[in-house]
Amino acid sequence: MLTEINLGGIYVATFAWHLALALPAFFALRWLLTRLSLLPRLWYLALGEVALFVLVLFLTFPLVPR
């Protein structure tokens, strides 16, 4: 069940916290994989980036309190 987190009187959905944690991690990981020349070797670059973002997003679920 999804709940909201009270942030100074403003209720924020927990999914927003997941996105806030996943985006910097995704950009750092994408930069690292591009720097190592692993990401450009994918057949479909956009599909690989979406899959990487979904993986990082779901790895944040244990980090955010319910």
PDB file of N, CA and C in Angstrom:
ATOM      1  N   MET A   1       0.838  -1.170   0.000  1.00  0.00           N
ATOM      2  CA  MET A   1       0.000   0.000   0.000  1.00  0.00           C
ATOM      3  C   MET A   1       0.891   1.245   0.000  1.00  0.00           C
ATOM      4  N   LEU A   2       0.610   2.139  -0.900  1.00  0.00           N
ATOM      5  CA  LEU A   2       1.390   3.366  -0.975  1.00  0.00           C
ATOM      6  C   LEU A   2       0.830   4.396  -0.001  1.00  0.00           C
ATOM      7  N   THR A   3       1.709   5.066   0.674  1.00  0.00           N
ATOM      8  CA  THR A   3       1.310   6.102   1.612  1.00  0.00           C
ATOM      9  C   THR A   3       2.043   7.386   1.259  1.00  0.00           C
ATOM     10  N   GLU A   4       1.672   8.449   1.943  1.00  0.00           N
ATOM     11  CA  GLU A   4       2.345   9.724   1.735  1.00  0.00           C
ATOM     12  C   GLU A   4       3.255  10.013   2.920  1.00  0.00           C
ATOM     13  N   ILE A   5       4.288  10.805   2.656  1.00  0.00           N
ATOM     14  CA  ILE A   5       5.207  11.240   3.694  1.00  0.00           C
ATOM     15  C   ILE A   5       4.940  12.710   3.955  1.00  0.00           C
ATOM     16  N   ASN A   6       4.757  13.065   5.219  1.00  0.00           N
ATOM     17  CA  ASN A   6       4.479  14.451   5.599  1.00  0.00           C
ATOM     18  C   ASN A   6       5.799  15.220   5.621  1.00  0.00           C
ATOM     19  N   LEU A   7       5.905  16.218   4.785  1.00  0.00           N
ATOM     20  CA  LEU A   7       7.111  17.025   4.683  1.00  0.00           C
ATOM     21  C   LEU A   7       6.735  18.471   4.954  1.00  0.00           C
ATOM     22  N   GLY A   8       6.747  18.850   6.219  1.00  0.00           N
ATOM     23  CA  GLY A   8       6.416  20.217   6.598  1.00  0.00           C
ATOM     24  C   GLY A   8       4.973  20.596   6.296  1.00  0.00           C
ATOM     25  N   GLY A   9       4.068  19.671   6.464  1.00  0.00           N
ATOM     26  CA  GLY A   9       2.659  19.940   6.206  1.00  0.00           C
ATOM     27  C   GLY A   9       2.236  19.653   4.782  1.00  0.00           C
ATOM     28  N   ILE A  10       3.162  19.267   3.942  1.00  0.00           N
ATOM     29  CA  ILE A  10       2.851  18.919   2.557  1.00  0.00           C
ATOM     30  C   ILE A  10       3.032  17.414   2.416  1.00  0.00           C
ATOM     31  N   TYR A  11       1.996  16.755   1.956  1.00  0.00           N
ATOM     32  CA  TYR A  11       2.065  15.314   1.770  1.00  0.00           C
ATOM     33  C   TYR A  11       2.661  15.004   0.402  1.00  0.00           C
ATOM     34  N   VAL A  12       3.722  14.221   0.414  1.00  0.00           N
ATOM     35  CA  VAL A  12       4.435  13.862  -0.807  1.00  0.00           C
ATOM     36  C   VAL A  12       4.328  12.351  -0.980  1.00  0.00           C
ATOM     37  N   ALA A  13       3.984  11.918  -2.174  1.00  0.00           N
ATOM     38  CA  ALA A  13       3.886  10.488  -2.450  1.00  0.00           C
ATOM     39  C   ALA A  13       5.262   9.838  -2.333  1.00  0.00           C
ATOM     40  N   THR A  14       5.275   8.611  -1.867  1.00  0.00           N
ATOM     41  CA  THR A  14       6.554   7.922  -1.698  1.00  0.00           C
ATOM     42  C   THR A  14       7.244   7.672  -3.035  1.00  0.00           C
ATOM     43  N   PHE A  15       6.456   7.575  -4.106  1.00  0.00           N
ATOM     44  CA  PHE A  15       7.064   7.358  -5.413  1.00  0.00           C
ATOM     45  C   PHE A  15       7.930   8.543  -5.831  1.00  0.00           C
ATOM     46  N   ALA A  16       7.569   9.745  -5.393  1.00  0.00           N
ATOM     47  CA  ALA A  16       8.395  10.925  -5.678  1.00  0.00           C
ATOM     48  C   ALA A  16       9.758  10.800  -4.997  1.00  0.00           C
ATOM     49  N   TRP A  17       9.776  10.229  -3.805  1.00  0.00           N
ATOM     50  CA  TRP A  17      11.050  10.009  -3.117  1.00  0.00           C
ATOM     51  C   TRP A  17      11.886   8.965  -3.855  1.00  0.00           C
ATOM     52  N   HIS A  18      11.227   7.950  -4.378  1.00  0.00           N
ATOM     53  CA  HIS A  18      11.950   6.944  -5.156  1.00  0.00           C
ATOM     54  C   HIS A  18      12.581   7.583  -6.393  1.00  0.00           C
ATOM     55  N   LEU A  19      11.823   8.422  -7.075  1.00  0.00           N
ATOM     56  CA  LEU A  19      12.368   9.102  -8.251  1.00  0.00           C
ATOM     57  C   LEU A  19      13.512  10.037  -7.884  1.00  0.00           C
ATOM     58  N   ALA A  20      13.370  10.734  -6.745  1.00  0.00           N
ATOM     59  CA  ALA A  20      14.422  11.657  -6.311  1.00  0.00           C
ATOM     60  C   ALA A  20      15.713  10.911  -5.971  1.00  0.00           C
ATOM     61  N   LEU A  21      15.606   9.708  -5.483  1.00  0.00           N
ATOM     62  CA  LEU A  21      16.799   8.904  -5.197  1.00  0.00           C
ATOM     63  C   LEU A  21      17.358   8.245  -6.454  1.00  0.00           C
ATOM     64  N   ALA A  22      16.481   7.836  -7.352  1.00  0.00           N
ATOM     65  CA  ALA A  22      16.917   7.075  -8.517  1.00  0.00           C
ATOM     66  C   ALA A  22      17.565   7.939  -9.592  1.00  0.00           C
ATOM     67  N   LEU A  23      17.099   9.162  -9.773  1.00  0.00           N
ATOM     68  CA  LEU A  23      17.633   9.989 -10.863  1.00  0.00           C
ATOM     69  C   LEU A  23      19.120  10.296 -10.738  1.00  0.00           C
ATOM     70  N   PRO A  24      19.614  10.773  -9.580  1.00  0.00           N
ATOM     71  CA  PRO A  24      21.068  11.017  -9.508  1.00  0.00           C
ATOM     72  C   PRO A  24      21.887   9.729  -9.632  1.00  0.00           C
ATOM     73  N   ALA A  25      21.375   8.647  -9.067  1.00  0.00           N
ATOM     74  CA  ALA A  25      22.090   7.373  -9.180  1.00  0.00           C
ATOM     75  C   ALA A  25      22.118   6.898 -10.628  1.00  0.00           C
ATOM     76  N   PHE A  26      21.004   7.069 -11.337  1.00  0.00           N
ATOM     77  CA  PHE A  26      20.945   6.678 -12.745  1.00  0.00           C
ATOM     78  C   PHE A  26      21.905   7.501 -13.589  1.00  0.00           C
ATOM     79  N   PHE A  27      21.927   8.826 -13.380  1.00  0.00           N
ATOM     80  CA  PHE A  27      22.824   9.670 -14.182  1.00  0.00           C
ATOM     81  C   PHE A  27      24.289   9.345 -13.893  1.00  0.00           C
ATOM     82  N   ALA A  28      24.616   9.064 -12.655  1.00  0.00           N
ATOM     83  CA  ALA A  28      25.997   8.702 -12.321  1.00  0.00           C
ATOM     84  C   ALA A  28      26.378   7.365 -12.941  1.00  0.00           C
ATOM     85  N   LEU A  29      25.473   6.402 -12.871  1.00  0.00           N
ATOM     86  CA  LEU A  29      25.755   5.086 -13.444  1.00  0.00           C
ATOM     87  C   LEU A  29      25.823   5.149 -14.965  1.00  0.00           C
ATOM     88  N   ARG A  30      24.948   5.956 -15.575  1.00  0.00           N
ATOM     89  CA  ARG A  30      24.984   6.117 -17.027  1.00  0.00           C
ATOM     90  C   ARG A  30      26.279   6.786 -17.457  1.00  0.00           C
ATOM     91  N   TRP A  31      26.731   7.795 -16.697  1.00  0.00           N
ATOM     92  CA  TRP A  31      27.993   8.458 -17.018  1.00  0.00           C
ATOM     93  C   TRP A  31      29.156   7.472 -16.910  1.00  0.00           C
ATOM     94  N   LEU A  32      29.134   6.651 -15.854  1.00  0.00           N
ATOM     95  CA  LEU A  32      30.210   5.679 -15.658  1.00  0.00           C
ATOM     96  C   LEU A  32      30.233   4.638 -16.768  1.00  0.00           C
ATOM     97  N   LEU A  33      29.068   4.122 -17.142  1.00  0.00           N
ATOM     98  CA  LEU A  33      29.012   3.115 -18.206  1.00  0.00           C
ATOM     99  C   LEU A  33      29.392   3.705 -19.561  1.00  0.00           C
ATOM    100  N   THR A  34      29.068   4.969 -19.802  1.00  0.00           N
ATOM    101  CA  THR A  34      29.488   5.619 -21.041  1.00  0.00           C
ATOM    102  C   THR A  34      30.991   5.844 -21.039  1.00  0.00           C
ATOM    103  N   ARG A  35      31.512   6.228 -19.901  1.00  0.00           N
ATOM    104  CA  ARG A  35      32.958   6.464 -19.761  1.00  0.00           C
ATOM    105  C   ARG A  35      33.756   5.182 -19.987  1.00  0.00           C
ATOM    106  N   LEU A  36      33.183   4.042 -19.566  1.00  0.00           N
ATOM    107  CA  LEU A  36      33.835   2.752 -19.757  1.00  0.00           C
ATOM    108  C   LEU A  36      33.528   2.133 -21.119  1.00  0.00           C
ATOM    109  N   SER A  37      32.800   2.855 -21.961  1.00  0.00           N
ATOM    110  CA  SER A  37      32.410   2.420 -23.312  1.00  0.00           C
ATOM    111  C   SER A  37      31.558   1.152 -23.292  1.00  0.00           C
ATOM    112  N   LEU A  38      30.775   0.969 -22.255  1.00  0.00           N
ATOM    113  CA  LEU A  38      29.879  -0.183 -22.200  1.00  0.00           C
ATOM    114  C   LEU A  38      28.477   0.166 -22.683  1.00  0.00           C
ATOM    115  N   LEU A  39      28.013   1.349 -22.382  1.00  0.00           N
ATOM    116  CA  LEU A  39      26.662   1.733 -22.773  1.00  0.00           C
ATOM    117  C   LEU A  39      26.518   1.936 -24.285  1.00  0.00           C
ATOM    118  N   PRO A  40      27.473   2.542 -24.979  1.00  0.00           N
ATOM    119  CA  PRO A  40      27.303   2.697 -26.439  1.00  0.00           C
ATOM    120  C   PRO A  40      27.341   1.377 -27.207  1.00  0.00           C
ATOM    121  N   ARG A  41      27.752   0.299 -26.586  1.00  0.00           N
ATOM    122  CA  ARG A  41      27.798  -0.994 -27.272  1.00  0.00           C
ATOM    123  C   ARG A  41      26.444  -1.687 -27.335  1.00  0.00           C
ATOM    124  N   LEU A  42      25.454  -1.125 -26.653  1.00  0.00           N
ATOM    125  CA  LEU A  42      24.121  -1.718 -26.691  1.00  0.00           C
ATOM    126  C   LEU A  42      23.525  -1.586 -28.078  1.00  0.00           C
ATOM    127  N   TRP A  43      22.696  -2.526 -28.411  1.00  0.00           N
ATOM    128  CA  TRP A  43      22.080  -2.499 -29.720  1.00  0.00           C
ATOM    129  C   TRP A  43      21.103  -1.343 -29.819  1.00  0.00           C
ATOM    130  N   TYR A  44      20.223  -1.216 -28.837  1.00  0.00           N
ATOM    131  CA  TYR A  44      19.297  -0.092 -28.749  1.00  0.00           C
ATOM    132  C   TYR A  44      19.655   0.703 -27.507  1.00  0.00           C
ATOM    133  N   LEU A  45      20.261   1.840 -27.699  1.00  0.00           N
ATOM    134  CA  LEU A  45      20.752   2.646 -26.587  1.00  0.00           C
ATOM    135  C   LEU A  45      19.616   3.117 -25.692  1.00  0.00           C
ATOM    136  N   ALA A  46      18.516   3.587 -26.268  1.00  0.00           N
ATOM    137  CA  ALA A  46      17.397   4.089 -25.476  1.00  0.00           C
ATOM    138  C   ALA A  46      16.770   2.975 -24.644  1.00  0.00           C
ATOM    139  N   LEU A  47      16.655   1.786 -25.207  1.00  0.00           N
ATOM    140  CA  LEU A  47      16.092   0.662 -24.469  1.00  0.00           C
ATOM    141  C   LEU A  47      17.000   0.273 -23.303  1.00  0.00           C
ATOM    142  N   GLY A  48      18.287   0.327 -23.512  1.00  0.00           N
ATOM    143  CA  GLY A  48      19.234   0.030 -22.443  1.00  0.00           C
ATOM    144  C   GLY A  48      19.177   1.056 -21.326  1.00  0.00           C
ATOM    145  N   GLU A  49      19.010   2.321 -21.687  1.00  0.00           N
ATOM    146  CA  GLU A  49      18.912   3.368 -20.670  1.00  0.00           C
ATOM    147  C   GLU A  49      17.618   3.241 -19.867  1.00  0.00           C
ATOM    148  N   VAL A  50      16.522   2.917 -20.524  1.00  0.00           N
ATOM    149  CA  VAL A  50      15.259   2.722 -19.803  1.00  0.00           C
ATOM    150  C   VAL A  50      15.368   1.529 -18.860  1.00  0.00           C
ATOM    151  N   ALA A  51      15.952   0.456 -19.318  1.00  0.00           N
ATOM    152  CA  ALA A  51      16.121  -0.723 -18.473  1.00  0.00           C
ATOM    153  C   ALA A  51      17.021  -0.407 -17.279  1.00  0.00           C
ATOM    154  N   LEU A  52      18.062   0.358 -17.499  1.00  0.00           N
ATOM    155  CA  LEU A  52      18.948   0.745 -16.408  1.00  0.00           C
ATOM    156  C   LEU A  52      18.224   1.622 -15.397  1.00  0.00           C
ATOM    157  N   PHE A  53      17.395   2.565 -15.876  1.00  0.00           N
ATOM    158  CA  PHE A  53      16.646   3.419 -14.970  1.00  0.00           C
ATOM    159  C   PHE A  53      15.633   2.618 -14.161  1.00  0.00           C
ATOM    160  N   VAL A  54      14.951   1.693 -14.790  1.00  0.00           N
ATOM    161  CA  VAL A  54      13.975   0.867 -14.066  1.00  0.00           C
ATOM    162  C   VAL A  54      14.679   0.026 -13.013  1.00  0.00           C
ATOM    163  N   LEU A  55      15.834  -0.491 -13.331  1.00  0.00           N
ATOM    164  CA  LEU A  55      16.604  -1.275 -12.361  1.00  0.00           C
ATOM    165  C   LEU A  55      17.010  -0.416 -11.171  1.00  0.00           C
ATOM    166  N   VAL A  56      17.529   0.763 -11.430  1.00  0.00           N
ATOM    167  CA  VAL A  56      17.939   1.656 -10.343  1.00  0.00           C
ATOM    168  C   VAL A  56      16.728   2.109  -9.538  1.00  0.00           C
ATOM    169  N   LEU A  57      15.613   2.370 -10.216  1.00  0.00           N
ATOM    170  CA  LEU A  57      14.395   2.798  -9.526  1.00  0.00           C
ATOM    171  C   LEU A  57      13.910   1.728  -8.565  1.00  0.00           C
ATOM    172  N   PHE A  58      13.880   0.498  -8.980  1.00  0.00           N
ATOM    173  CA  PHE A  58      13.394  -0.556  -8.100  1.00  0.00           C
ATOM    174  C   PHE A  58      14.393  -0.925  -7.011  1.00  0.00           C
ATOM    175  N   LEU A  59      15.653  -0.583  -7.194  1.00  0.00           N
ATOM    176  CA  LEU A  59      16.626  -0.789  -6.122  1.00  0.00           C
ATOM    177  C   LEU A  59      16.462   0.236  -4.996  1.00  0.00           C
ATOM    178  N   THR A  60      15.741   1.324  -5.253  1.00  0.00           N
ATOM    179  CA  THR A  60      15.516   2.332  -4.215  1.00  0.00           C
ATOM    180  C   THR A  60      14.358   1.982  -3.297  1.00  0.00           C
ATOM    181  N   PHE A  61      13.533   1.017  -3.638  1.00  0.00           N
ATOM    182  CA  PHE A  61      12.356   0.707  -2.837  1.00  0.00           C
ATOM    183  C   PHE A  61      12.695   0.288  -1.404  1.00  0.00           C
ATOM    184  N   PRO A  62      13.742  -0.473  -1.141  1.00  0.00           N
ATOM    185  CA  PRO A  62      14.063  -0.778   0.262  1.00  0.00           C
ATOM    186  C   PRO A  62      14.618   0.424   1.032  1.00  0.00           C
ATOM    187  N   LEU A  63      15.015   1.494   0.356  1.00  0.00           N
ATOM    188  CA  LEU A  63      15.648   2.629   1.015  1.00  0.00           C
ATOM    189  C   LEU A  63      14.673   3.649   1.573  1.00  0.00           C
ATOM    190  N   VAL A  64      13.477   3.741   1.005  1.00  0.00           N
ATOM    191  CA  VAL A  64      12.514   4.762   1.409  1.00  0.00           C
ATOM    192  C   VAL A  64      11.572   4.185   2.460  1.00  0.00           C
ATOM    193  N   PRO A  65      11.397   4.888   3.591  1.00  0.00           N
ATOM    194  CA  PRO A  65      10.496   4.356   4.630  1.00  0.00           C
ATOM    195  C   PRO A  65       9.047   4.382   4.172  1.00  0.00           C
ATOM    196  N   ARG A  66       8.275   3.488   4.733  1.00  0.00           N
ATOM    197  CA  ARG A  66       6.845   3.411   4.362  1.00  0.00           C
ATOM    198  C   ARG A  66       5.995   4.096   5.350  1.00  0.00           C
TER     199      ARG A  66
END
